[in-house]
Amino acid sequence: MWMIGPALGSHILIGDHVINALEQSNNTLTKRIAKAQEAARTEISRYVDKINREATEAARRQQEALPESAGKEAVTRQEGAGTEPSKDETA
């Protein structure tokens, strides 16, 4: 491989040792990038799973709480249903 310059009309040959060093450096950095991306994917996946578990648990607790309060309201309404005020009490 060769490179044009630095002086006008000149060129410099680039030795194989330079190309090999650049290739080795590139390969090392590419592997580090791949490891970092995999670590990031793993961490994000764990975080998303945690959020989903918490949301599912919150929804389950809310669902369990709804029938209890709805049942209490229904019982309260039924107990009060037979005790309507008479015409004398409303006047």
N, C-alpha and C. Protein backbone atom coordinates (compact mmCIF):
# COMPACT_ATOMS: atom_id res chain seq x y z
N MET A 1 0.85 -1.15 0.00
CA MET A 1 0.00 0.00 0.00
C MET A 1 0.91 1.23 0.00
N TRP A 2 0.38 2.32 -0.53
CA TRP A 2 1.15 3.55 -0.56
C TRP A 2 0.25 4.73 -0.29
N MET A 3 0.87 5.88 0.02
CA MET A 3 0.13 7.08 0.37
C MET A 3 0.75 8.25 -0.40
N ILE A 4 -0.08 9.12 -0.93
CA ILE A 4 0.40 10.29 -1.66
C ILE A 4 0.80 11.37 -0.66
N GLY A 5 1.92 12.02 -0.91
CA GLY A 5 2.36 13.14 -0.07
C GLY A 5 3.49 12.71 0.83
N PRO A 6 3.92 13.51 1.70
CA PRO A 6 3.38 14.80 2.10
C PRO A 6 3.77 15.92 1.14
N ALA A 7 4.87 15.80 0.46
CA ALA A 7 5.29 16.87 -0.46
C ALA A 7 4.59 16.69 -1.80
N LEU A 8 4.45 17.77 -2.53
CA LEU A 8 3.80 17.76 -3.82
C LEU A 8 4.53 16.79 -4.76
N GLY A 9 3.80 15.86 -5.33
CA GLY A 9 4.36 14.90 -6.28
C GLY A 9 5.09 13.74 -5.64
N SER A 10 5.01 13.59 -4.33
CA SER A 10 5.72 12.49 -3.68
C SER A 10 4.74 11.44 -3.19
N HIS A 11 5.28 10.30 -2.84
CA HIS A 11 4.47 9.22 -2.27
C HIS A 11 5.33 8.44 -1.27
N ILE A 12 4.67 7.75 -0.39
CA ILE A 12 5.35 6.97 0.64
C ILE A 12 4.75 5.57 0.62
N LEU A 13 5.60 4.58 0.67
CA LEU A 13 5.13 3.21 0.79
C LEU A 13 4.82 2.92 2.25
N ILE A 14 3.71 2.27 2.46
CA ILE A 14 3.31 1.87 3.81
C ILE A 14 3.64 0.40 3.95
N GLY A 15 4.46 0.10 4.93
CA GLY A 15 4.92 -1.27 5.12
C GLY A 15 3.83 -2.20 5.64
N ASP A 16 4.05 -3.49 5.43
CA ASP A 16 3.10 -4.50 5.90
C ASP A 16 2.99 -4.50 7.41
N HIS A 17 4.09 -4.15 8.10
CA HIS A 17 4.04 -4.14 9.56
C HIS A 17 3.05 -3.07 10.07
N VAL A 18 2.94 -1.95 9.36
CA VAL A 18 1.99 -0.91 9.75
C VAL A 18 0.56 -1.38 9.49
N ILE A 19 0.34 -1.98 8.35
CA ILE A 19 -0.99 -2.48 7.99
C ILE A 19 -1.42 -3.58 8.97
N ASN A 20 -0.51 -4.48 9.33
CA ASN A 20 -0.81 -5.55 10.28
C ASN A 20 -1.15 -4.98 11.66
N ALA A 21 -0.39 -3.97 12.09
CA ALA A 21 -0.66 -3.34 13.38
C ALA A 21 -2.03 -2.67 13.38
N LEU A 22 -2.38 -1.98 12.30
CA LEU A 22 -3.69 -1.33 12.20
C LEU A 22 -4.81 -2.37 12.18
N GLU A 23 -4.60 -3.46 11.48
CA GLU A 23 -5.60 -4.52 11.42
C GLU A 23 -5.80 -5.17 12.79
N GLN A 24 -4.69 -5.42 13.50
CA GLN A 24 -4.79 -6.00 14.83
C GLN A 24 -5.51 -5.05 15.78
N SER A 25 -5.18 -3.78 15.72
CA SER A 25 -5.85 -2.78 16.55
C SER A 25 -7.34 -2.73 16.24
N ASN A 26 -7.68 -2.76 14.97
CA ASN A 26 -9.08 -2.74 14.56
C ASN A 26 -9.82 -3.97 15.08
N ASN A 27 -9.20 -5.13 14.97
CA ASN A 27 -9.84 -6.37 15.45
C ASN A 27 -10.07 -6.32 16.96
N THR A 28 -9.08 -5.83 17.70
CA THR A 28 -9.21 -5.72 19.16
C THR A 28 -10.36 -4.79 19.53
N LEU A 29 -10.40 -3.63 18.89
CA LEU A 29 -11.46 -2.67 19.19
C LEU A 29 -12.83 -3.20 18.78
N THR A 30 -12.90 -3.91 17.67
CA THR A 30 -14.17 -4.49 17.23
C THR A 30 -14.68 -5.50 18.25
N LYS A 31 -13.77 -6.32 18.81
CA LYS A 31 -14.17 -7.30 19.83
C LYS A 31 -14.65 -6.59 21.10
N ARG A 32 -13.96 -5.52 21.51
CA ARG A 32 -14.38 -4.77 22.69
C ARG A 32 -15.76 -4.16 22.49
N ILE A 33 -16.00 -3.64 21.30
CA ILE A 33 -17.31 -3.05 20.99
C ILE A 33 -18.40 -4.11 21.07
N ALA A 34 -18.13 -5.29 20.51
CA ALA A 34 -19.11 -6.37 20.54
C ALA A 34 -19.42 -6.79 21.98
N LYS A 35 -18.38 -6.87 22.84
CA LYS A 35 -18.60 -7.23 24.24
C LYS A 35 -19.42 -6.16 24.95
N ALA A 36 -19.11 -4.90 24.69
CA ALA A 36 -19.85 -3.80 25.32
C ALA A 36 -21.30 -3.80 24.88
N GLN A 37 -21.55 -4.06 23.60
CA GLN A 37 -22.93 -4.11 23.11
C GLN A 37 -23.69 -5.27 23.75
N GLU A 38 -23.04 -6.41 23.89
CA GLU A 38 -23.69 -7.57 24.49
C GLU A 38 -24.00 -7.30 25.97
N ALA A 39 -23.06 -6.67 26.66
CA ALA A 39 -23.30 -6.32 28.07
C ALA A 39 -24.46 -5.34 28.18
N ALA A 40 -24.53 -4.37 27.29
CA ALA A 40 -25.62 -3.40 27.30
C ALA A 40 -26.96 -4.09 27.02
N ARG A 41 -26.99 -4.99 26.06
CA ARG A 41 -28.23 -5.72 25.75
C ARG A 41 -28.69 -6.53 26.95
N THR A 42 -27.74 -7.20 27.61
CA THR A 42 -28.08 -8.01 28.78
C THR A 42 -28.64 -7.14 29.90
N GLU A 43 -27.99 -6.03 30.17
CA GLU A 43 -28.44 -5.13 31.22
C GLU A 43 -29.82 -4.56 30.91
N ILE A 44 -30.03 -4.14 29.68
CA ILE A 44 -31.33 -3.60 29.28
C ILE A 44 -32.41 -4.67 29.36
N SER A 45 -32.08 -5.87 28.95
CA SER A 45 -33.05 -6.97 29.01
C SER A 45 -33.45 -7.26 30.45
N ARG A 46 -32.48 -7.27 31.36
CA ARG A 46 -32.79 -7.48 32.77
C ARG A 46 -33.69 -6.36 33.30
N TYR A 47 -33.38 -5.13 32.93
CA TYR A 47 -34.16 -3.99 33.39
C TYR A 47 -35.60 -4.06 32.87
N VAL A 48 -35.76 -4.39 31.60
CA VAL A 48 -37.10 -4.49 31.01
C VAL A 48 -37.88 -5.63 31.69
N ASP A 49 -37.20 -6.76 31.95
CA ASP A 49 -37.86 -7.86 32.65
C ASP A 49 -38.31 -7.43 34.04
N LYS A 50 -37.46 -6.67 34.75
CA LYS A 50 -37.80 -6.19 36.08
C LYS A 50 -39.03 -5.28 36.02
N ILE A 51 -39.05 -4.36 35.06
CA ILE A 51 -40.19 -3.46 34.91
C ILE A 51 -41.46 -4.25 34.61
N ASN A 52 -41.36 -5.24 33.73
CA ASN A 52 -42.53 -6.06 33.40
C ASN A 52 -43.03 -6.83 34.61
N ARG A 53 -42.10 -7.39 35.41
CA ARG A 53 -42.51 -8.12 36.61
C ARG A 53 -43.21 -7.19 37.59
N GLU A 54 -42.66 -5.99 37.78
CA GLU A 54 -43.27 -5.03 38.71
C GLU A 54 -44.64 -4.59 38.22
N ALA A 55 -44.78 -4.36 36.92
CA ALA A 55 -46.07 -3.95 36.37
C ALA A 55 -47.10 -5.07 36.50
N THR A 56 -46.66 -6.30 36.25
CA THR A 56 -47.57 -7.44 36.38
C THR A 56 -48.01 -7.61 37.83
N GLU A 57 -47.07 -7.47 38.75
CA GLU A 57 -47.40 -7.59 40.17
C GLU A 57 -48.36 -6.47 40.61
N ALA A 58 -48.12 -5.25 40.15
CA ALA A 58 -49.00 -4.13 40.49
C ALA A 58 -50.40 -4.36 39.93
N ALA A 59 -50.48 -4.85 38.70
CA ALA A 59 -51.79 -5.13 38.10
C ALA A 59 -52.50 -6.24 38.85
N ARG A 60 -51.75 -7.26 39.28
CA ARG A 60 -52.36 -8.36 40.03
C ARG A 60 -52.88 -7.86 41.37
N ARG A 61 -52.10 -7.03 42.07
CA ARG A 61 -52.55 -6.48 43.36
C ARG A 61 -53.78 -5.60 43.17
N GLN A 62 -53.78 -4.81 42.11
CA GLN A 62 -54.92 -3.94 41.84
C GLN A 62 -56.16 -4.79 41.53
N GLN A 63 -55.97 -5.86 40.77
CA GLN A 63 -57.09 -6.73 40.42
C GLN A 63 -57.64 -7.42 41.66
N GLU A 64 -56.74 -7.82 42.57
CA GLU A 64 -57.20 -8.45 43.80
C GLU A 64 -57.93 -7.45 44.68
N ALA A 65 -57.51 -6.21 44.67
CA ALA A 65 -58.13 -5.19 45.51
C ALA A 65 -59.50 -4.79 44.98
N LEU A 66 -59.70 -4.80 43.70
CA LEU A 66 -60.98 -4.37 43.12
C LEU A 66 -62.16 -5.23 43.56
N PRO A 67 -62.10 -6.55 43.47
CA PRO A 67 -63.27 -7.34 43.89
C PRO A 67 -63.60 -7.15 45.37
N GLU A 68 -62.60 -6.97 46.23
CA GLU A 68 -62.87 -6.77 47.65
C GLU A 68 -63.65 -5.48 47.87
N SER A 69 -63.20 -4.38 47.28
CA SER A 69 -63.90 -3.11 47.49
C SER A 69 -65.25 -3.12 46.79
N ALA A 70 -65.34 -3.74 45.62
CA ALA A 70 -66.64 -3.81 44.93
C ALA A 70 -67.62 -4.65 45.74
N GLY A 71 -67.13 -5.72 46.36
CA GLY A 71 -67.99 -6.57 47.18
C GLY A 71 -68.48 -5.84 48.41
N LYS A 72 -67.63 -5.04 49.04
CA LYS A 72 -68.02 -4.26 50.22
C LYS A 72 -69.08 -3.23 49.86
N GLU A 73 -68.92 -2.58 48.72
CA GLU A 73 -69.90 -1.58 48.28
C GLU A 73 -71.24 -2.24 48.01
N ALA A 74 -71.22 -3.43 47.41
CA ALA A 74 -72.47 -4.12 47.11
C ALA A 74 -73.18 -4.52 48.40
N VAL A 75 -72.44 -4.99 49.39
CA VAL A 75 -73.04 -5.37 50.67
C VAL A 75 -73.62 -4.14 51.34
N THR A 76 -72.92 -3.03 51.33
CA THR A 76 -73.40 -1.79 51.94
C THR A 76 -74.68 -1.33 51.26
N ARG A 77 -74.72 -1.40 49.96
CA ARG A 77 -75.93 -0.99 49.23
C ARG A 77 -77.10 -1.90 49.57
N GLN A 78 -76.84 -3.21 49.67
CA GLN A 78 -77.91 -4.15 49.97
C GLN A 78 -78.44 -3.94 51.38
N GLU A 79 -77.57 -3.65 52.31
CA GLU A 79 -78.01 -3.42 53.69
C GLU A 79 -78.88 -2.17 53.78
N GLY A 80 -78.54 -1.15 53.04
CA GLY A 80 -79.28 0.11 53.08
C GLY A 80 -80.50 0.11 52.18
N ALA A 81 -80.67 -0.89 51.34
CA ALA A 81 -81.76 -0.90 50.37
C ALA A 81 -83.13 -1.03 51.03
N GLY A 82 -83.23 -1.76 52.12
CA GLY A 82 -84.52 -1.97 52.76
C GLY A 82 -84.91 -0.86 53.71
N THR A 83 -84.07 0.10 53.89
CA THR A 83 -84.35 1.16 54.86
C THR A 83 -84.55 2.49 54.15
N GLU A 84 -85.42 2.52 53.19
CA GLU A 84 -85.71 3.78 52.51
C GLU A 84 -86.52 4.67 53.44
N PRO A 85 -86.28 5.95 53.40
CA PRO A 85 -87.04 6.85 54.28
C PRO A 85 -88.51 6.86 53.89
N SER A 86 -89.35 6.94 54.88
CA SER A 86 -90.78 7.01 54.61
C SER A 86 -91.14 8.41 54.19
N LYS A 87 -92.40 8.59 53.76
CA LYS A 87 -92.84 9.90 53.29
C LYS A 87 -92.80 10.92 54.43
N ASP A 88 -93.06 10.46 55.65
CA ASP A 88 -93.03 11.36 56.79
C ASP A 88 -91.63 11.88 57.08
N GLU A 89 -90.62 11.00 56.87
CA GLU A 89 -89.24 11.38 57.16
C GLU A 89 -88.68 12.36 56.13
N THR A 90 -89.18 12.29 54.91
CA THR A 90 -88.65 13.15 53.84
C THR A 90 -89.25 14.53 53.89
N ALA A 91 -90.40 14.69 54.52
CA ALA A 91 -91.05 15.99 54.54
C ALA A 91 -90.49 16.93 55.54
